[in-house]
Structures are given as structure tokens and as C-alpha cells.
Amino acid sequence: MNNTLLKQIKSIIEDETDLIANLANISAVINMNTEDINWVGFYLYKDDELVLGPFQGNVACTRLKEKGVCIHALKTNTIQNIPDVNQFEGHVVCDANSKSELVIPIYINNQPFGVLDIDSPIYNRFTQEDENLFNEIVQLLIKQMEPTI
């Protein structure tokens, strides 16, 4: 599935320079092709906080500031693979059904841009393979968007 998902996303975004269109389609493709997730989307960095961007899933927190997995991922520029969100100090509960979370930070031109956030209703959902796959997707997005931002 990894190669198929990457090829599909690459084909969708390779000729498109509109950020919102690309983020929306990436969210949709991930949602359609990934089992056992209940939310996938992007938060965009604006004025020292993360603001909700295109996503698939239930209603989400609109703004994230100072705490939470997404903020930690962005501030440390590290992938966060949290097997049990209830054990993460400062976790922000947007959906009580979410049990595990994977967050990939996005930096464009060495500046914080946002995060790809994926939630699951299952504990320990995300593997190293998932981290690699979703990081590759983010790298495709960065490559496509860097010249336009």
C-alpha cells in the first residue's frame, strides 16, 4: 500500500500549487487508504499557534497553543508517535475516542509551517513503517510547496 499511496498523492499534487487544494486532497487520500484512523489533517502555524487546516474526520480543535502533541512535534521538529495519548503530559483532547496519535512536523524553507496529524481509536496504532510513510508524504508536500511559499 505504501508505494500506491505515495504514487497517488504524488500524482494529485505534482501539477497543483494551491496549498489548500493539496492539503485537502492529501487528507482525503490518507483517510481513504489508512485503516483504523478516526482523524487525519493538517494544522498550520500562524502567529505562534497552530490553526486547523484541511482534514477528514470529526470536528476538531480549531487552535492549538502552548501544549499538546502537535505543538510539541512542531517546537521540537520531531515526529511524535504516541501509543497512548492519555499518557502524554499536556495532551489536548479534541476527540475523546482518539487513543493514539502520529504527528509529522512540517518545516518549509527552514521555517515552521504546520503538522500532519493522524489519530486512531486504537492504542499503539502507529508503527515505524507508518512514521516513514507519512514522513515521505510530508516530504512530497514540502518539495511541491517550497517554491511557492
N, C-alpha and C. Protein backbone atom coordinates (compact mmCIF):
# COMPACT_ATOMS: atom_id res chain seq x y z
N MET A 1 0.82 -1.20 0.00
CA MET A 1 0.00 0.00 0.00
C MET A 1 0.86 1.26 0.00
N ASN A 2 2.02 1.20 0.63
CA ASN A 2 2.85 2.40 0.75
C ASN A 2 3.17 3.03 -0.59
N ASN A 3 3.65 2.20 -1.53
CA ASN A 3 4.00 2.75 -2.84
C ASN A 3 2.78 3.28 -3.56
N THR A 4 1.66 2.59 -3.44
CA THR A 4 0.43 3.03 -4.08
C THR A 4 -0.03 4.36 -3.51
N LEU A 5 0.00 4.48 -2.20
CA LEU A 5 -0.41 5.73 -1.54
C LEU A 5 0.51 6.88 -1.94
N LEU A 6 1.80 6.65 -1.92
CA LEU A 6 2.76 7.69 -2.32
C LEU A 6 2.56 8.10 -3.78
N LYS A 7 2.38 7.13 -4.66
CA LYS A 7 2.17 7.44 -6.08
C LYS A 7 0.88 8.23 -6.29
N GLN A 8 -0.17 7.84 -5.58
CA GLN A 8 -1.44 8.55 -5.72
C GLN A 8 -1.32 10.00 -5.26
N ILE A 9 -0.69 10.21 -4.13
CA ILE A 9 -0.53 11.57 -3.62
C ILE A 9 0.36 12.38 -4.55
N LYS A 10 1.45 11.78 -4.99
CA LYS A 10 2.35 12.49 -5.91
C LYS A 10 1.61 12.92 -7.17
N SER A 11 0.80 12.03 -7.73
CA SER A 11 0.09 12.36 -8.97
C SER A 11 -0.96 13.46 -8.74
N ILE A 12 -1.54 13.50 -7.56
CA ILE A 12 -2.55 14.52 -7.26
C ILE A 12 -1.93 15.90 -7.07
N ILE A 13 -0.76 15.96 -6.44
CA ILE A 13 -0.20 17.28 -6.10
C ILE A 13 0.87 17.77 -7.06
N GLU A 14 1.39 16.92 -7.95
CA GLU A 14 2.55 17.31 -8.75
C GLU A 14 2.31 18.50 -9.68
N ASP A 15 1.09 18.70 -10.14
CA ASP A 15 0.82 19.83 -11.02
C ASP A 15 -0.02 20.91 -10.34
N GLU A 16 -0.20 20.79 -9.03
CA GLU A 16 -1.04 21.75 -8.30
C GLU A 16 -0.18 22.55 -7.32
N THR A 17 -0.32 23.86 -7.36
CA THR A 17 0.45 24.71 -6.46
C THR A 17 -0.42 25.35 -5.37
N ASP A 18 -1.71 25.11 -5.40
CA ASP A 18 -2.58 25.68 -4.37
C ASP A 18 -2.46 24.86 -3.09
N LEU A 19 -2.06 25.52 -2.04
CA LEU A 19 -1.82 24.84 -0.77
C LEU A 19 -3.06 24.14 -0.23
N ILE A 20 -4.18 24.85 -0.16
CA ILE A 20 -5.39 24.28 0.43
C ILE A 20 -5.87 23.08 -0.38
N ALA A 21 -5.82 23.17 -1.69
CA ALA A 21 -6.22 22.03 -2.53
C ALA A 21 -5.34 20.81 -2.24
N ASN A 22 -4.04 21.02 -2.14
CA ASN A 22 -3.13 19.91 -1.87
C ASN A 22 -3.36 19.30 -0.49
N LEU A 23 -3.51 20.14 0.52
CA LEU A 23 -3.73 19.63 1.87
C LEU A 23 -5.05 18.87 1.96
N ALA A 24 -6.08 19.39 1.32
CA ALA A 24 -7.38 18.72 1.33
C ALA A 24 -7.30 17.35 0.66
N ASN A 25 -6.68 17.30 -0.50
CA ASN A 25 -6.58 16.02 -1.21
C ASN A 25 -5.68 15.03 -0.50
N ILE A 26 -4.59 15.48 0.08
CA ILE A 26 -3.72 14.57 0.84
C ILE A 26 -4.50 13.98 2.00
N SER A 27 -5.25 14.81 2.72
CA SER A 27 -6.08 14.32 3.84
C SER A 27 -7.06 13.26 3.36
N ALA A 28 -7.71 13.53 2.25
CA ALA A 28 -8.71 12.60 1.72
C ALA A 28 -8.07 11.26 1.31
N VAL A 29 -6.93 11.32 0.64
CA VAL A 29 -6.27 10.09 0.19
C VAL A 29 -5.82 9.26 1.39
N ILE A 30 -5.24 9.92 2.39
CA ILE A 30 -4.81 9.18 3.58
C ILE A 30 -6.03 8.56 4.27
N ASN A 31 -7.09 9.32 4.42
CA ASN A 31 -8.29 8.83 5.09
C ASN A 31 -8.88 7.62 4.37
N MET A 32 -8.91 7.67 3.05
CA MET A 32 -9.50 6.59 2.26
C MET A 32 -8.66 5.32 2.28
N ASN A 33 -7.35 5.46 2.51
CA ASN A 33 -6.43 4.33 2.35
C ASN A 33 -5.75 3.86 3.62
N THR A 34 -6.15 4.38 4.76
CA THR A 34 -5.49 4.01 6.02
C THR A 34 -6.52 3.44 6.98
N GLU A 35 -6.27 2.24 7.45
CA GLU A 35 -7.19 1.57 8.36
C GLU A 35 -7.01 2.07 9.79
N ASP A 36 -8.08 1.98 10.54
CA ASP A 36 -8.07 2.24 11.97
C ASP A 36 -7.61 3.64 12.34
N ILE A 37 -8.06 4.63 11.58
CA ILE A 37 -7.85 6.02 11.98
C ILE A 37 -9.21 6.70 12.08
N ASN A 38 -9.31 7.71 12.92
CA ASN A 38 -10.57 8.42 13.05
C ASN A 38 -10.43 9.91 12.74
N TRP A 39 -9.21 10.35 12.45
CA TRP A 39 -9.00 11.76 12.08
C TRP A 39 -7.66 11.88 11.39
N VAL A 40 -7.62 12.67 10.33
CA VAL A 40 -6.36 12.99 9.66
C VAL A 40 -6.48 14.38 9.08
N GLY A 41 -5.45 15.17 9.28
CA GLY A 41 -5.49 16.51 8.73
C GLY A 41 -4.26 17.32 9.07
N PHE A 42 -4.38 18.59 8.77
CA PHE A 42 -3.25 19.50 8.93
C PHE A 42 -3.62 20.63 9.86
N TYR A 43 -2.64 21.02 10.65
CA TYR A 43 -2.70 22.27 11.41
C TYR A 43 -1.61 23.15 10.85
N LEU A 44 -1.92 24.43 10.63
CA LEU A 44 -0.97 25.37 10.03
C LEU A 44 -0.50 26.38 11.07
N TYR A 45 0.78 26.66 11.05
CA TYR A 45 1.39 27.55 12.03
C TYR A 45 1.14 29.02 11.64
N LYS A 46 0.46 29.74 12.55
CA LYS A 46 0.18 31.16 12.33
C LYS A 46 0.23 31.88 13.67
N ASP A 47 1.01 32.93 13.74
CA ASP A 47 1.05 33.77 14.95
C ASP A 47 1.29 32.96 16.22
N ASP A 48 2.31 32.12 16.22
CA ASP A 48 2.72 31.33 17.38
C ASP A 48 1.69 30.31 17.86
N GLU A 49 0.81 29.87 16.97
CA GLU A 49 -0.13 28.81 17.32
C GLU A 49 -0.43 27.99 16.08
N LEU A 50 -1.03 26.84 16.28
CA LEU A 50 -1.46 26.01 15.16
C LEU A 50 -2.95 26.20 14.95
N VAL A 51 -3.32 26.45 13.70
CA VAL A 51 -4.71 26.69 13.33
C VAL A 51 -5.17 25.56 12.42
N LEU A 52 -6.36 25.07 12.68
CA LEU A 52 -6.92 23.96 11.93
C LEU A 52 -6.92 24.24 10.43
N GLY A 53 -6.45 23.26 9.67
CA GLY A 53 -6.47 23.32 8.21
C GLY A 53 -7.36 22.21 7.67
N PRO A 54 -7.20 21.87 6.40
CA PRO A 54 -8.00 20.80 5.81
C PRO A 54 -7.82 19.47 6.55
N PHE A 55 -8.94 18.76 6.73
CA PHE A 55 -8.91 17.49 7.45
C PHE A 55 -10.07 16.61 7.03
N GLN A 56 -10.01 15.36 7.49
CA GLN A 56 -11.09 14.38 7.33
C GLN A 56 -11.34 13.81 8.72
N GLY A 57 -12.60 13.80 9.14
CA GLY A 57 -12.94 13.23 10.44
C GLY A 57 -13.92 14.10 11.19
N ASN A 58 -14.02 13.84 12.49
CA ASN A 58 -14.94 14.59 13.34
C ASN A 58 -14.46 16.03 13.53
N VAL A 59 -15.35 16.84 14.07
CA VAL A 59 -15.00 18.22 14.40
C VAL A 59 -13.74 18.20 15.25
N ALA A 60 -12.85 19.18 15.02
CA ALA A 60 -11.55 19.19 15.69
C ALA A 60 -11.33 20.49 16.45
N CYS A 61 -10.31 20.49 17.29
CA CYS A 61 -9.89 21.73 17.95
C CYS A 61 -9.47 22.71 16.86
N THR A 62 -9.89 23.95 17.00
CA THR A 62 -9.59 24.95 15.98
C THR A 62 -8.19 25.53 16.14
N ARG A 63 -7.77 25.76 17.38
CA ARG A 63 -6.46 26.34 17.63
C ARG A 63 -5.75 25.56 18.73
N LEU A 64 -4.45 25.34 18.51
CA LEU A 64 -3.60 24.67 19.48
C LEU A 64 -2.48 25.62 19.85
N LYS A 65 -2.30 25.84 21.15
CA LYS A 65 -1.30 26.80 21.59
C LYS A 65 -0.67 26.31 22.89
N GLU A 66 0.63 26.29 22.93
CA GLU A 66 1.43 26.03 24.13
C GLU A 66 1.51 24.58 24.57
N LYS A 67 0.51 23.73 24.33
CA LYS A 67 0.60 22.34 24.79
C LYS A 67 -0.02 21.40 23.77
N GLY A 68 0.24 20.12 23.97
CA GLY A 68 -0.32 19.10 23.09
C GLY A 68 0.74 18.45 22.22
N VAL A 69 0.38 17.33 21.64
CA VAL A 69 1.29 16.55 20.81
C VAL A 69 1.72 17.34 19.57
N CYS A 70 0.77 18.02 18.94
CA CYS A 70 1.09 18.78 17.71
C CYS A 70 2.07 19.91 17.98
N ILE A 71 1.84 20.66 19.05
CA ILE A 71 2.74 21.76 19.42
C ILE A 71 4.12 21.20 19.73
N HIS A 72 4.17 20.11 20.48
CA HIS A 72 5.46 19.51 20.83
C HIS A 72 6.22 19.07 19.58
N ALA A 73 5.51 18.44 18.65
CA ALA A 73 6.15 17.98 17.40
C ALA A 73 6.73 19.17 16.63
N LEU A 74 5.96 20.25 16.55
CA LEU A 74 6.42 21.41 15.79
C LEU A 74 7.59 22.10 16.49
N LYS A 75 7.47 22.32 17.79
CA LYS A 75 8.52 23.05 18.52
C LYS A 75 9.84 22.28 18.56
N THR A 76 9.77 20.96 18.61
CA THR A 76 10.99 20.15 18.66
C THR A 76 11.42 19.67 17.28
N ASN A 77 10.57 19.90 16.27
CA ASN A 77 10.81 19.43 14.91
C ASN A 77 11.12 17.93 14.90
N THR A 78 10.30 17.18 15.66
CA THR A 78 10.46 15.73 15.73
C THR A 78 9.11 15.05 15.52
N ILE A 79 9.16 13.89 14.88
CA ILE A 79 7.96 13.08 14.71
C ILE A 79 7.53 12.58 16.09
N GLN A 80 6.24 12.67 16.36
CA GLN A 80 5.69 12.19 17.62
C GLN A 80 4.75 11.02 17.34
N ASN A 81 5.14 9.86 17.83
CA ASN A 81 4.33 8.64 17.70
C ASN A 81 3.92 8.27 19.12
N ILE A 82 2.69 8.61 19.48
CA ILE A 82 2.20 8.47 20.84
C ILE A 82 1.27 7.26 20.93
N PRO A 83 1.71 6.17 21.58
CA PRO A 83 0.89 4.96 21.64
C PRO A 83 -0.37 5.10 22.49
N ASP A 84 -0.32 6.00 23.49
CA ASP A 84 -1.48 6.23 24.36
C ASP A 84 -1.50 7.72 24.69
N VAL A 85 -2.40 8.44 24.04
CA VAL A 85 -2.44 9.90 24.22
C VAL A 85 -2.74 10.30 25.65
N ASN A 86 -3.40 9.44 26.40
CA ASN A 86 -3.72 9.76 27.79
C ASN A 86 -2.47 9.79 28.67
N GLN A 87 -1.38 9.22 28.20
CA GLN A 87 -0.12 9.22 28.94
C GLN A 87 0.78 10.38 28.53
N PHE A 88 0.35 11.19 27.55
CA PHE A 88 1.16 12.32 27.10
C PHE A 88 0.80 13.55 27.92
N GLU A 89 1.77 14.04 28.69
CA GLU A 89 1.52 15.20 29.54
C GLU A 89 1.15 16.42 28.68
N GLY A 90 0.02 17.03 28.99
CA GLY A 90 -0.42 18.19 28.24
C GLY A 90 -1.24 17.86 27.00
N HIS A 91 -1.62 16.59 26.85
CA HIS A 91 -2.43 16.21 25.68
C HIS A 91 -3.70 17.05 25.63
N VAL A 92 -4.03 17.53 24.45
CA VAL A 92 -5.25 18.30 24.22
C VAL A 92 -6.30 17.35 23.65
N VAL A 93 -7.39 17.17 24.36
CA VAL A 93 -8.44 16.25 23.93
C VAL A 93 -9.38 16.97 22.97
N CYS A 94 -9.28 16.62 21.70
CA CYS A 94 -10.22 17.15 20.71
C CYS A 94 -11.32 16.13 20.43
N ASP A 95 -10.97 14.84 20.52
CA ASP A 95 -11.91 13.75 20.32
C ASP A 95 -11.59 12.68 21.36
N ALA A 96 -12.50 12.46 22.28
CA ALA A 96 -12.27 11.50 23.36
C ALA A 96 -12.08 10.08 22.85
N ASN A 97 -12.47 9.80 21.60
CA ASN A 97 -12.30 8.47 21.03
C ASN A 97 -10.87 8.20 20.55
N SER A 98 -10.06 9.24 20.43
CA SER A 98 -8.69 9.06 19.97
C SER A 98 -7.84 8.46 21.08
N LYS A 99 -7.13 7.39 20.76
CA LYS A 99 -6.30 6.69 21.74
C LYS A 99 -4.81 6.81 21.45
N SER A 100 -4.45 6.87 20.15
CA SER A 100 -3.05 7.04 19.77
C SER A 100 -2.97 8.09 18.68
N GLU A 101 -1.76 8.63 18.50
CA GLU A 101 -1.61 9.77 17.59
C GLU A 101 -0.23 9.75 16.96
N LEU A 102 -0.18 10.14 15.69
CA LEU A 102 1.07 10.31 14.97
C LEU A 102 1.09 11.72 14.39
N VAL A 103 2.15 12.46 14.69
CA VAL A 103 2.26 13.84 14.21
C VAL A 103 3.60 14.02 13.51
N ILE A 104 3.54 14.51 12.28
CA ILE A 104 4.73 14.79 11.48
C ILE A 104 4.86 16.30 11.35
N PRO A 105 5.95 16.90 11.88
CA PRO A 105 6.13 18.34 11.74
C PRO A 105 6.46 18.71 10.30
N ILE A 106 6.05 19.90 9.91
CA ILE A 106 6.32 20.39 8.56
C ILE A 106 7.06 21.72 8.67
N TYR A 107 8.26 21.74 8.13
CA TYR A 107 9.05 22.97 8.03
C TYR A 107 9.29 23.22 6.55
N ILE A 108 9.01 24.43 6.09
CA ILE A 108 9.26 24.80 4.70
C ILE A 108 10.22 25.98 4.70
N ASN A 109 11.28 25.87 3.91
CA ASN A 109 12.34 26.87 3.89
C ASN A 109 12.87 27.12 5.30
N ASN A 110 13.03 26.04 6.06
CA ASN A 110 13.55 26.08 7.42
C ASN A 110 12.70 26.87 8.41
N GLN A 111 11.44 27.08 8.07
CA GLN A 111 10.52 27.80 8.95
C GLN A 111 9.37 26.87 9.34
N PRO A 112 8.89 26.96 10.59
CA PRO A 112 7.74 26.13 10.98
C PRO A 112 6.54 26.46 10.11
N PHE A 113 5.93 25.42 9.57
CA PHE A 113 4.80 25.60 8.67
C PHE A 113 3.52 24.99 9.23
N GLY A 114 3.65 23.83 9.88
CA GLY A 114 2.48 23.16 10.42
C GLY A 114 2.79 21.71 10.73
N VAL A 115 1.73 20.91 10.83
CA VAL A 115 1.89 19.49 11.11
C VAL A 115 0.85 18.69 10.35
N LEU A 116 1.21 17.45 10.06
CA LEU A 116 0.26 16.43 9.63
C LEU A 116 -0.08 15.64 10.89
N ASP A 117 -1.35 15.56 11.24
CA ASP A 117 -1.80 14.93 12.47
C ASP A 117 -2.74 13.78 12.10
N ILE A 118 -2.48 12.60 12.67
CA ILE A 118 -3.31 11.43 12.41
C ILE A 118 -3.66 10.79 13.75
N ASP A 119 -4.95 10.59 13.98
CA ASP A 119 -5.43 9.99 15.23
C ASP A 119 -6.06 8.64 14.96
N SER A 120 -5.99 7.77 15.98
CA SER A 120 -6.60 6.44 15.88
C SER A 120 -7.38 6.13 17.15
N PRO A 121 -8.49 5.39 17.01
CA PRO A 121 -9.25 4.96 18.18
C PRO A 121 -8.65 3.71 18.83
N ILE A 122 -7.46 3.30 18.38
CA ILE A 122 -6.79 2.10 18.87
C ILE A 122 -5.46 2.49 19.52
N TYR A 123 -5.18 1.93 20.68
CA TYR A 123 -3.88 2.15 21.31
C TYR A 123 -2.78 1.51 20.46
N ASN A 124 -1.60 2.10 20.48
CA ASN A 124 -0.42 1.56 19.78
C ASN A 124 -0.66 1.34 18.29
N ARG A 125 -1.42 2.20 17.65
CA ARG A 125 -1.80 2.00 16.24
C ARG A 125 -0.63 2.20 15.28
N PHE A 126 0.25 3.15 15.55
CA PHE A 126 1.21 3.57 14.54
C PHE A 126 2.58 2.90 14.72
N THR A 127 3.12 2.43 13.60
CA THR A 127 4.40 1.71 13.57
C THR A 127 5.50 2.60 13.01
N GLN A 128 6.71 2.09 13.05
CA GLN A 128 7.83 2.79 12.42
C GLN A 128 7.58 2.92 10.92
N GLU A 129 6.99 1.90 10.33
CA GLU A 129 6.65 1.95 8.90
C GLU A 129 5.67 3.10 8.62
N ASP A 130 4.69 3.29 9.52
CA ASP A 130 3.76 4.41 9.37
C ASP A 130 4.49 5.75 9.46
N GLU A 131 5.39 5.86 10.43
CA GLU A 131 6.18 7.10 10.57
C GLU A 131 6.91 7.40 9.27
N ASN A 132 7.56 6.39 8.71
CA ASN A 132 8.33 6.58 7.48
C ASN A 132 7.42 6.98 6.32
N LEU A 133 6.30 6.28 6.19
CA LEU A 133 5.36 6.57 5.09
C LEU A 133 4.83 8.00 5.18
N PHE A 134 4.32 8.38 6.33
CA PHE A 134 3.72 9.70 6.44
C PHE A 134 4.76 10.81 6.39
N ASN A 135 5.97 10.52 6.83
CA ASN A 135 7.05 11.48 6.66
C ASN A 135 7.39 11.65 5.17
N GLU A 136 7.38 10.56 4.42
CA GLU A 136 7.61 10.66 2.97
C GLU A 136 6.53 11.52 2.30
N ILE A 137 5.29 11.35 2.74
CA ILE A 137 4.19 12.16 2.20
C ILE A 137 4.43 13.64 2.49
N VAL A 138 4.83 13.94 3.71
CA VAL A 138 5.13 15.33 4.07
C VAL A 138 6.29 15.86 3.22
N GLN A 139 7.29 15.03 2.97
CA GLN A 139 8.42 15.47 2.14
C GLN A 139 7.97 15.76 0.71
N LEU A 140 7.04 14.98 0.18
CA LEU A 140 6.48 15.27 -1.15
C LEU A 140 5.78 16.63 -1.14
N LEU A 141 5.01 16.88 -0.10
CA LEU A 141 4.31 18.16 0.03
C LEU A 141 5.30 19.31 0.10
N ILE A 142 6.33 19.17 0.93
CA ILE A 142 7.34 20.23 1.07
C ILE A 142 8.00 20.51 -0.27
N LYS A 143 8.39 19.48 -0.97
CA LYS A 143 9.05 19.65 -2.28
C LYS A 143 8.14 20.41 -3.25
N GLN A 144 6.85 20.10 -3.20
CA GLN A 144 5.90 20.74 -4.10
C GLN A 144 5.64 22.19 -3.70
N MET A 145 5.57 22.47 -2.40
CA MET A 145 5.15 23.78 -1.94
C MET A 145 6.29 24.77 -1.70
N GLU A 146 7.51 24.28 -1.47
CA GLU A 146 8.64 25.15 -1.13
C GLU A 146 8.83 26.31 -2.11
N PRO A 147 8.77 26.06 -3.41
CA PRO A 147 8.98 27.19 -4.34
C PRO A 147 7.88 28.24 -4.30
N THR A 148 6.70 27.88 -3.79
CA THR A 148 5.55 28.81 -3.84
C THR A 148 5.36 29.57 -2.54
N ILE A 149 6.11 29.20 -1.51
CA ILE A 149 5.88 29.81 -0.18
C ILE A 149 7.06 30.69 0.19
